[in-house]
Amino acid sequence: MSPIAGALVDRWNRKLIIALADSAMGVSTLVIFILFLMGNLEIWHVHALGAFAGIFAAFHWPAYSAAMTLLIPKHQYSRATALVTMAEAGTGILAPVLAVFLMGFVGIAPIFLIDLFSLIIALTTLIFSRIPSPTRSKEGIEGAGSLLKESLYGFRYIFSKPSLLGLQLIFLFGNLFSSFSWTVAVPMILARTGSNATALAAAEAAGGIGGVSHRFAYRRTSCGLRI
């Protein structure tokens, strides 16, 4: 969905896209919550709703990252990216530990409610945020046309820039192989610890600490390079 989503994001209001994508992912959580309360939740429900949320997630990231470039000056891009990724990694430190703590006292149902409440906070913040409309770039004018043409133009643009293509290939293979490890990490930890949720939370929190440290080092390095 990503090439098509990127072309549509360029056409539509990015603030609206972010709101719809967040809402769709919230709806999938709400449906899972309702099925769980009714005692009818099955694994195929999780797969189907995960696919539904994944489609909208493909729209969320291009709209979010493009909106971020409209809100800050160009010379602050690297710093802003480091701060955002550091914040994302930071949630991995406390969230797993807090989730295990809450599950032990109140069960999993209230955690669904916390998730939905956080969605309300995010949407409220988005409503009061001003995201300006971008001016049409030279490349945007050249690639304008049908949805298929605009979707393929991104590939042509990347292939015309050898350095950008090389960077994308690094990201491609890095994300591809790291996805393998992330996919098997959770079941592997649970299998080796007798499905111990506390051990899983500790491992994920350790990963979050490593992520924050890495992002902090990147931010310091990027600031030093500008100096």
C-alpha atoms as a PDB file:
ATOM      1  CA  MET A   1       0.000   0.000   0.000  1.00  0.00           C
ATOM      2  CA  SER A   2       2.895   2.390   0.611  1.00  0.00           C
ATOM      3  CA  PRO A   3       3.472   3.643  -2.989  1.00  0.00           C
ATOM      4  CA  ILE A   4      -0.255   4.258  -3.451  1.00  0.00           C
ATOM      5  CA  ALA A   5      -0.579   5.772   0.010  1.00  0.00           C
ATOM      6  CA  GLY A   6       2.281   8.171  -0.675  1.00  0.00           C
ATOM      7  CA  ALA A   7       0.631   9.413  -3.862  1.00  0.00           C
ATOM      8  CA  LEU A   8      -2.704   9.895  -2.092  1.00  0.00           C
ATOM      9  CA  VAL A   9      -1.069  11.694   0.828  1.00  0.00           C
ATOM     10  CA  ASP A  10       0.325  14.225  -1.649  1.00  0.00           C
ATOM     11  CA  ARG A  11      -3.195  14.820  -2.938  1.00  0.00           C
ATOM     12  CA  TRP A  12      -5.163  14.942   0.313  1.00  0.00           C
ATOM     13  CA  ASN A  13      -5.119  16.976   3.499  1.00  0.00           C
ATOM     14  CA  ARG A  14      -2.385  15.497   5.689  1.00  0.00           C
ATOM     15  CA  LYS A  15      -3.979  16.456   8.974  1.00  0.00           C
ATOM     16  CA  LEU A  16      -7.161  14.667   7.959  1.00  0.00           C
ATOM     17  CA  ILE A  17      -5.210  11.580   6.854  1.00  0.00           C
ATOM     18  CA  ILE A  18      -3.418  11.345  10.200  1.00  0.00           C
ATOM     19  CA  ALA A  19      -6.738  11.672  12.035  1.00  0.00           C
ATOM     20  CA  LEU A  20      -8.427   9.005   9.903  1.00  0.00           C
ATOM     21  CA  ALA A  21      -5.462   6.620  10.207  1.00  0.00           C
ATOM     22  CA  ASP A  22      -5.357   7.007  13.996  1.00  0.00           C
ATOM     23  CA  SER A  23      -9.130   6.555  14.194  1.00  0.00           C
ATOM     24  CA  ALA A  24      -9.040   3.407  12.053  1.00  0.00           C
ATOM     25  CA  MET A  25      -6.370   1.866  14.256  1.00  0.00           C
ATOM     26  CA  GLY A  26      -8.436   2.855  17.279  1.00  0.00           C
ATOM     27  CA  VAL A  27     -11.504   1.170  15.771  1.00  0.00           C
ATOM     28  CA  SER A  28      -9.559  -2.080  15.358  1.00  0.00           C
ATOM     29  CA  THR A  29      -8.537  -1.918  19.026  1.00  0.00           C
ATOM     30  CA  LEU A  30     -12.132  -1.215  20.041  1.00  0.00           C
ATOM     31  CA  VAL A  31     -13.452  -4.189  18.063  1.00  0.00           C
ATOM     32  CA  ILE A  32     -10.847  -6.494  19.626  1.00  0.00           C
ATOM     33  CA  PHE A  33     -11.819  -5.144  23.051  1.00  0.00           C
ATOM     34  CA  ILE A  34     -15.525  -5.807  22.459  1.00  0.00           C
ATOM     35  CA  LEU A  35     -14.873  -9.322  21.152  1.00  0.00           C
ATOM     36  CA  PHE A  36     -12.652  -9.981  24.178  1.00  0.00           C
ATOM     37  CA  LEU A  37     -15.372  -8.868  26.597  1.00  0.00           C
ATOM     38  CA  MET A  38     -17.911 -11.074  24.807  1.00  0.00           C
ATOM     39  CA  GLY A  39     -15.566 -14.051  24.967  1.00  0.00           C
ATOM     40  CA  ASN A  40     -15.639 -14.426  21.178  1.00  0.00           C
ATOM     41  CA  LEU A  41     -12.129 -13.223  20.307  1.00  0.00           C
ATOM     42  CA  GLU A  42     -10.329 -15.640  17.973  1.00  0.00           C
ATOM     43  CA  ILE A  43      -6.930 -15.516  16.329  1.00  0.00           C
ATOM     44  CA  TRP A  44      -8.371 -14.795  12.865  1.00  0.00           C
ATOM     45  CA  HIS A  45     -10.034 -11.681  14.286  1.00  0.00           C
ATOM     46  CA  VAL A  46      -6.620 -10.410  15.344  1.00  0.00           C
ATOM     47  CA  HIS A  47      -5.132 -11.132  11.907  1.00  0.00           C
ATOM     48  CA  ALA A  48      -8.006  -9.460  10.040  1.00  0.00           C
ATOM     49  CA  LEU A  49      -8.068  -6.378  12.246  1.00  0.00           C
ATOM     50  CA  GLY A  50      -4.282  -6.201  12.155  1.00  0.00           C
ATOM     51  CA  ALA A  51      -4.411  -6.133   8.349  1.00  0.00           C
ATOM     52  CA  PHE A  52      -7.118  -3.449   8.494  1.00  0.00           C
ATOM     53  CA  ALA A  53      -5.029  -1.299  10.837  1.00  0.00           C
ATOM     54  CA  GLY A  54      -1.908  -1.967   8.755  1.00  0.00           C
ATOM     55  CA  ILE A  55      -3.526  -0.521   5.640  1.00  0.00           C
ATOM     56  CA  PHE A  56      -4.242   2.741   7.424  1.00  0.00           C
ATOM     57  CA  ALA A  57      -0.796   2.704   9.045  1.00  0.00           C
ATOM     58  CA  ALA A  58       0.639   2.823   5.517  1.00  0.00           C
ATOM     59  CA  PHE A  59      -1.057   6.227   5.158  1.00  0.00           C
ATOM     60  CA  HIS A  60      -0.143   7.456   8.627  1.00  0.00           C
ATOM     61  CA  TRP A  61       3.647   7.493   8.386  1.00  0.00           C
ATOM     62  CA  PRO A  62       3.962   9.340   5.014  1.00  0.00           C
ATOM     63  CA  ALA A  63       1.434  11.944   6.179  1.00  0.00           C
ATOM     64  CA  TYR A  64       3.104  12.307   9.578  1.00  0.00           C
ATOM     65  CA  SER A  65       6.661  12.581   8.259  1.00  0.00           C
ATOM     66  CA  ALA A  66       5.621  14.980   5.483  1.00  0.00           C
ATOM     67  CA  ALA A  67       3.723  17.131   7.990  1.00  0.00           C
ATOM     68  CA  MET A  68       6.767  17.264  10.238  1.00  0.00           C
ATOM     69  CA  THR A  69       8.858  18.763   7.430  1.00  0.00           C
ATOM     70  CA  LEU A  70       6.266  21.558   7.085  1.00  0.00           C
ATOM     71  CA  LEU A  71       6.374  22.462  10.776  1.00  0.00           C
ATOM     72  CA  ILE A  72      10.120  22.871  11.269  1.00  0.00           C
ATOM     73  CA  PRO A  73      12.942  24.571   9.308  1.00  0.00           C
ATOM     74  CA  LYS A  74      15.080  22.381   7.087  1.00  0.00           C
ATOM     75  CA  HIS A  75      18.247  22.748   9.167  1.00  0.00           C
ATOM     76  CA  GLN A  76      16.404  21.173  12.118  1.00  0.00           C
ATOM     77  CA  TYR A  77      15.322  18.010  10.265  1.00  0.00           C
ATOM     78  CA  SER A  78      18.022  15.752  11.689  1.00  0.00           C
ATOM     79  CA  ARG A  79      17.484  17.004  15.238  1.00  0.00           C
ATOM     80  CA  ALA A  80      13.707  16.612  14.993  1.00  0.00           C
ATOM     81  CA  THR A  81      14.032  13.112  13.561  1.00  0.00           C
ATOM     82  CA  ALA A  82      16.388  12.115  16.372  1.00  0.00           C
ATOM     83  CA  LEU A  83      14.020  13.500  19.007  1.00  0.00           C
ATOM     84  CA  VAL A  84      10.993  11.738  17.514  1.00  0.00           C
ATOM     85  CA  THR A  85      12.741   8.376  17.251  1.00  0.00           C
ATOM     86  CA  MET A  86      14.183   8.818  20.742  1.00  0.00           C
ATOM     87  CA  ALA A  87      10.666   9.429  22.082  1.00  0.00           C
ATOM     88  CA  GLU A  88       9.400   6.335  20.259  1.00  0.00           C
ATOM     89  CA  ALA A  89      12.171   4.230  21.776  1.00  0.00           C
ATOM     90  CA  GLY A  90      11.535   5.815  25.172  1.00  0.00           C
ATOM     91  CA  THR A  91       8.027   4.404  25.298  1.00  0.00           C
ATOM     92  CA  GLY A  92       9.582   0.956  25.042  1.00  0.00           C
ATOM     93  CA  ILE A  93      11.217   1.390  28.449  1.00  0.00           C
ATOM     94  CA  LEU A  94       8.207   2.067  30.671  1.00  0.00           C
ATOM     95  CA  ALA A  95       5.292   0.709  28.617  1.00  0.00           C
ATOM     96  CA  PRO A  96       6.164  -3.032  28.899  1.00  0.00           C
ATOM     97  CA  VAL A  97       6.880  -2.789  32.635  1.00  0.00           C
ATOM     98  CA  LEU A  98       3.735  -0.744  33.261  1.00  0.00           C
ATOM     99  CA  ALA A  99       1.654  -3.175  31.186  1.00  0.00           C
ATOM    100  CA  VAL A 100       2.814  -6.175  33.251  1.00  0.00           C
ATOM    101  CA  PHE A 101       2.145  -4.250  36.463  1.00  0.00           C
ATOM    102  CA  LEU A 102      -1.391  -3.314  35.389  1.00  0.00           C
ATOM    103  CA  MET A 103      -2.195  -6.800  34.094  1.00  0.00           C
ATOM    104  CA  GLY A 104      -1.247  -8.233  37.471  1.00  0.00           C
ATOM    105  CA  PHE A 105      -3.676  -5.929  39.311  1.00  0.00           C
ATOM    106  CA  VAL A 106      -6.530  -5.052  36.948  1.00  0.00           C
ATOM    107  CA  GLY A 107      -6.248  -7.532  34.077  1.00  0.00           C
ATOM    108  CA  ILE A 108      -6.032  -6.840  30.382  1.00  0.00           C
ATOM    109  CA  ALA A 109      -9.441  -5.208  29.818  1.00  0.00           C
ATOM    110  CA  PRO A 110      -8.574  -1.834  31.440  1.00  0.00           C
ATOM    111  CA  ILE A 111      -5.403  -1.714  29.323  1.00  0.00           C
ATOM    112  CA  PHE A 112      -7.605  -1.597  26.229  1.00  0.00           C
ATOM    113  CA  LEU A 113      -9.379   1.406  27.774  1.00  0.00           C
ATOM    114  CA  ILE A 114      -6.045   3.128  28.425  1.00  0.00           C
ATOM    115  CA  ASP A 115      -5.108   2.579  24.794  1.00  0.00           C
ATOM    116  CA  LEU A 116      -8.396   4.082  23.584  1.00  0.00           C
ATOM    117  CA  PHE A 117      -8.051   7.019  25.998  1.00  0.00           C
ATOM    118  CA  SER A 118      -4.574   7.749  24.628  1.00  0.00           C
ATOM    119  CA  LEU A 119      -6.141   7.858  21.144  1.00  0.00           C
ATOM    120  CA  ILE A 120      -8.562  10.544  22.332  1.00  0.00           C
ATOM    121  CA  ILE A 121      -5.626  12.595  23.650  1.00  0.00           C
ATOM    122  CA  ALA A 122      -3.775  12.209  20.339  1.00  0.00           C
ATOM    123  CA  LEU A 123      -6.782  13.242  18.248  1.00  0.00           C
ATOM    124  CA  THR A 124      -7.493  16.213  20.522  1.00  0.00           C
ATOM    125  CA  THR A 125      -3.899  17.377  20.177  1.00  0.00           C
ATOM    126  CA  LEU A 126      -4.107  16.950  16.410  1.00  0.00           C
ATOM    127  CA  ILE A 127      -7.295  19.037  16.193  1.00  0.00           C
ATOM    128  CA  PHE A 128      -5.551  22.013  17.777  1.00  0.00           C
ATOM    129  CA  SER A 129      -2.397  21.573  15.678  1.00  0.00           C
ATOM    130  CA  ARG A 130      -1.883  23.661  12.566  1.00  0.00           C
ATOM    131  CA  ILE A 131      -0.368  21.773   9.638  1.00  0.00           C
ATOM    132  CA  PRO A 132       0.157  24.090   6.655  1.00  0.00           C
ATOM    133  CA  SER A 133      -0.465  22.976   3.084  1.00  0.00           C
ATOM    134  CA  PRO A 134       2.776  22.483   1.115  1.00  0.00           C
ATOM    135  CA  THR A 135       3.645  24.362  -2.042  1.00  0.00           C
ATOM    136  CA  ARG A 136       3.874  22.169  -5.136  1.00  0.00           C
ATOM    137  CA  SER A 137       7.515  21.350  -5.886  1.00  0.00           C
ATOM    138  CA  LYS A 138       9.058  21.028  -9.341  1.00  0.00           C
ATOM    139  CA  GLU A 139       9.213  17.252  -8.908  1.00  0.00           C
ATOM    140  CA  GLY A 140       5.574  17.206  -7.801  1.00  0.00           C
ATOM    141  CA  ILE A 141       4.509  19.031 -10.938  1.00  0.00           C
ATOM    142  CA  GLU A 142       6.551  16.680 -13.139  1.00  0.00           C
ATOM    143  CA  GLY A 143       5.039  13.588 -11.535  1.00  0.00           C
ATOM    144  CA  ALA A 144       1.452  14.850 -11.528  1.00  0.00           C
ATOM    145  CA  GLY A 145      -1.096  12.736 -13.351  1.00  0.00           C
ATOM    146  CA  SER A 146      -3.029   9.572 -12.676  1.00  0.00           C
ATOM    147  CA  LEU A 147      -2.700   7.715  -9.396  1.00  0.00           C
ATOM    148  CA  LEU A 148      -0.608   5.016 -11.101  1.00  0.00           C
ATOM    149  CA  LYS A 149       1.710   7.589 -12.684  1.00  0.00           C
ATOM    150  CA  GLU A 150       2.230   9.388  -9.398  1.00  0.00           C
ATOM    151  CA  SER A 151       2.849   6.094  -7.580  1.00  0.00           C
ATOM    152  CA  LEU A 152       5.493   5.026 -10.112  1.00  0.00           C
ATOM    153  CA  TYR A 153       7.107   8.462 -10.232  1.00  0.00           C
ATOM    154  CA  GLY A 154       8.520   7.959  -6.745  1.00  0.00           C
ATOM    155  CA  PHE A 155      10.413   4.873  -7.960  1.00  0.00           C
ATOM    156  CA  ARG A 156      11.707   6.692 -11.029  1.00  0.00           C
ATOM    157  CA  TYR A 157      12.883   9.594  -8.898  1.00  0.00           C
ATOM    158  CA  ILE A 158      14.758   7.317  -6.499  1.00  0.00           C
ATOM    159  CA  PHE A 159      16.402   5.358  -9.333  1.00  0.00           C
ATOM    160  CA  SER A 160      17.538   8.627 -10.922  1.00  0.00           C
ATOM    161  CA  LYS A 161      19.478   9.543  -7.742  1.00  0.00           C
ATOM    162  CA  PRO A 162      22.225   6.923  -7.153  1.00  0.00           C
ATOM    163  CA  SER A 163      23.056   8.187  -3.661  1.00  0.00           C
ATOM    164  CA  LEU A 164      19.384   8.162  -2.629  1.00  0.00           C
ATOM    165  CA  LEU A 165      18.952   4.686  -4.131  1.00  0.00           C
ATOM    166  CA  GLY A 166      21.940   3.410  -2.159  1.00  0.00           C
ATOM    167  CA  LEU A 167      20.530   4.862   1.060  1.00  0.00           C
ATOM    168  CA  GLN A 168      17.147   3.255   0.385  1.00  0.00           C
ATOM    169  CA  LEU A 169      18.788  -0.123  -0.248  1.00  0.00           C
ATOM    170  CA  ILE A 170      20.582   0.118   3.098  1.00  0.00           C
ATOM    171  CA  PHE A 171      17.267   0.812   4.813  1.00  0.00           C
ATOM    172  CA  LEU A 172      15.595  -1.981   2.839  1.00  0.00           C
ATOM    173  CA  PHE A 173      17.990  -4.734   3.864  1.00  0.00           C
ATOM    174  CA  GLY A 174      18.442  -3.373   7.396  1.00  0.00           C
ATOM    175  CA  ASN A 175      14.699  -3.302   8.042  1.00  0.00           C
ATOM    176  CA  LEU A 176      14.151  -6.628   6.272  1.00  0.00           C
ATOM    177  CA  PHE A 177      16.562  -8.599   8.429  1.00  0.00           C
ATOM    178  CA  SER A 178      15.782  -6.736  11.653  1.00  0.00           C
ATOM    179  CA  SER A 179      12.099  -7.550  11.092  1.00  0.00           C
ATOM    180  CA  PHE A 180      12.985 -11.248  11.245  1.00  0.00           C
ATOM    181  CA  SER A 181      14.550 -10.823  14.670  1.00  0.00           C
ATOM    182  CA  TRP A 182      11.697  -8.702  16.037  1.00  0.00           C
ATOM    183  CA  THR A 183       9.128 -11.202  14.757  1.00  0.00           C
ATOM    184  CA  VAL A 184      10.685 -14.185  16.550  1.00  0.00           C
ATOM    185  CA  ALA A 185      11.943 -12.327  19.642  1.00  0.00           C
ATOM    186  CA  VAL A 186       8.676 -12.289  21.594  1.00  0.00           C
ATOM    187  CA  PRO A 187       7.695 -15.948  21.056  1.00  0.00           C
ATOM    188  CA  MET A 188      11.303 -17.025  21.648  1.00  0.00           C
ATOM    189  CA  ILE A 189      11.474 -15.206  25.005  1.00  0.00           C
ATOM    190  CA  LEU A 190       8.078 -16.540  26.075  1.00  0.00           C
ATOM    191  CA  ALA A 191       9.019 -20.090  25.025  1.00  0.00           C
ATOM    192  CA  ARG A 192      12.294 -20.010  26.977  1.00  0.00           C
ATOM    193  CA  THR A 193      10.755 -18.488  30.124  1.00  0.00           C
ATOM    194  CA  GLY A 194       7.548 -20.504  30.374  1.00  0.00           C
ATOM    195  CA  SER A 195       5.422 -17.621  29.027  1.00  0.00           C
ATOM    196  CA  ASN A 196       6.712 -15.281  31.735  1.00  0.00           C
ATOM    197  CA  ALA A 197       5.305 -11.831  30.943  1.00  0.00           C
ATOM    198  CA  THR A 198       7.664 -10.156  33.427  1.00  0.00           C
ATOM    199  CA  ALA A 199      10.722 -11.566  31.641  1.00  0.00           C
ATOM    200  CA  LEU A 200       9.349 -10.359  28.307  1.00  0.00           C
ATOM    201  CA  ALA A 201       8.711  -6.885  29.725  1.00  0.00           C
ATOM    202  CA  ALA A 202      12.250  -6.732  31.128  1.00  0.00           C
ATOM    203  CA  ALA A 203      13.730  -7.729  27.764  1.00  0.00           C
ATOM    204  CA  GLU A 204      11.641  -5.138  25.899  1.00  0.00           C
ATOM    205  CA  ALA A 205      12.518  -2.452  28.439  1.00  0.00           C
ATOM    206  CA  ALA A 206      16.217  -3.266  27.974  1.00  0.00           C
ATOM    207  CA  GLY A 207      15.711  -2.894  24.233  1.00  0.00           C
ATOM    208  CA  GLY A 208      14.020   0.463  24.832  1.00  0.00           C
ATOM    209  CA  ILE A 209      16.971   1.657  26.903  1.00  0.00           C
ATOM    210  CA  GLY A 210      19.307   0.644  24.092  1.00  0.00           C
ATOM    211  CA  GLY A 211      17.105   2.459  21.579  1.00  0.00           C
ATOM    212  CA  VAL A 212      17.089   5.680  23.602  1.00  0.00           C
ATOM    213  CA  SER A 213      20.865   5.498  24.057  1.00  0.00           C
ATOM    214  CA  HIS A 214      21.354   5.013  20.323  1.00  0.00           C
ATOM    215  CA  ARG A 215      19.041   7.929  19.443  1.00  0.00           C
ATOM    216  CA  PHE A 216      20.674  10.167  22.038  1.00  0.00           C
ATOM    217  CA  ALA A 217      24.107   9.402  20.596  1.00  0.00           C
ATOM    218  CA  TYR A 218      22.784  10.128  17.093  1.00  0.00           C
ATOM    219  CA  ARG A 219      21.327  13.447  18.227  1.00  0.00           C
ATOM    220  CA  ARG A 220      24.603  14.460  19.876  1.00  0.00           C
ATOM    221  CA  THR A 221      26.505  13.490  16.742  1.00  0.00           C
ATOM    222  CA  SER A 222      24.169  15.371  14.407  1.00  0.00           C
ATOM    223  CA  CYS A 223      24.393  18.494  16.592  1.00  0.00           C
ATOM    224  CA  GLY A 224      28.176  18.212  16.628  1.00  0.00           C
ATOM    225  CA  LEU A 225      28.349  17.927  12.851  1.00  0.00           C
ATOM    226  CA  ARG A 226      26.349  21.123  12.441  1.00  0.00           C
ATOM    227  CA  ILE A 227      28.610  22.936  14.899  1.00  0.00           C
END
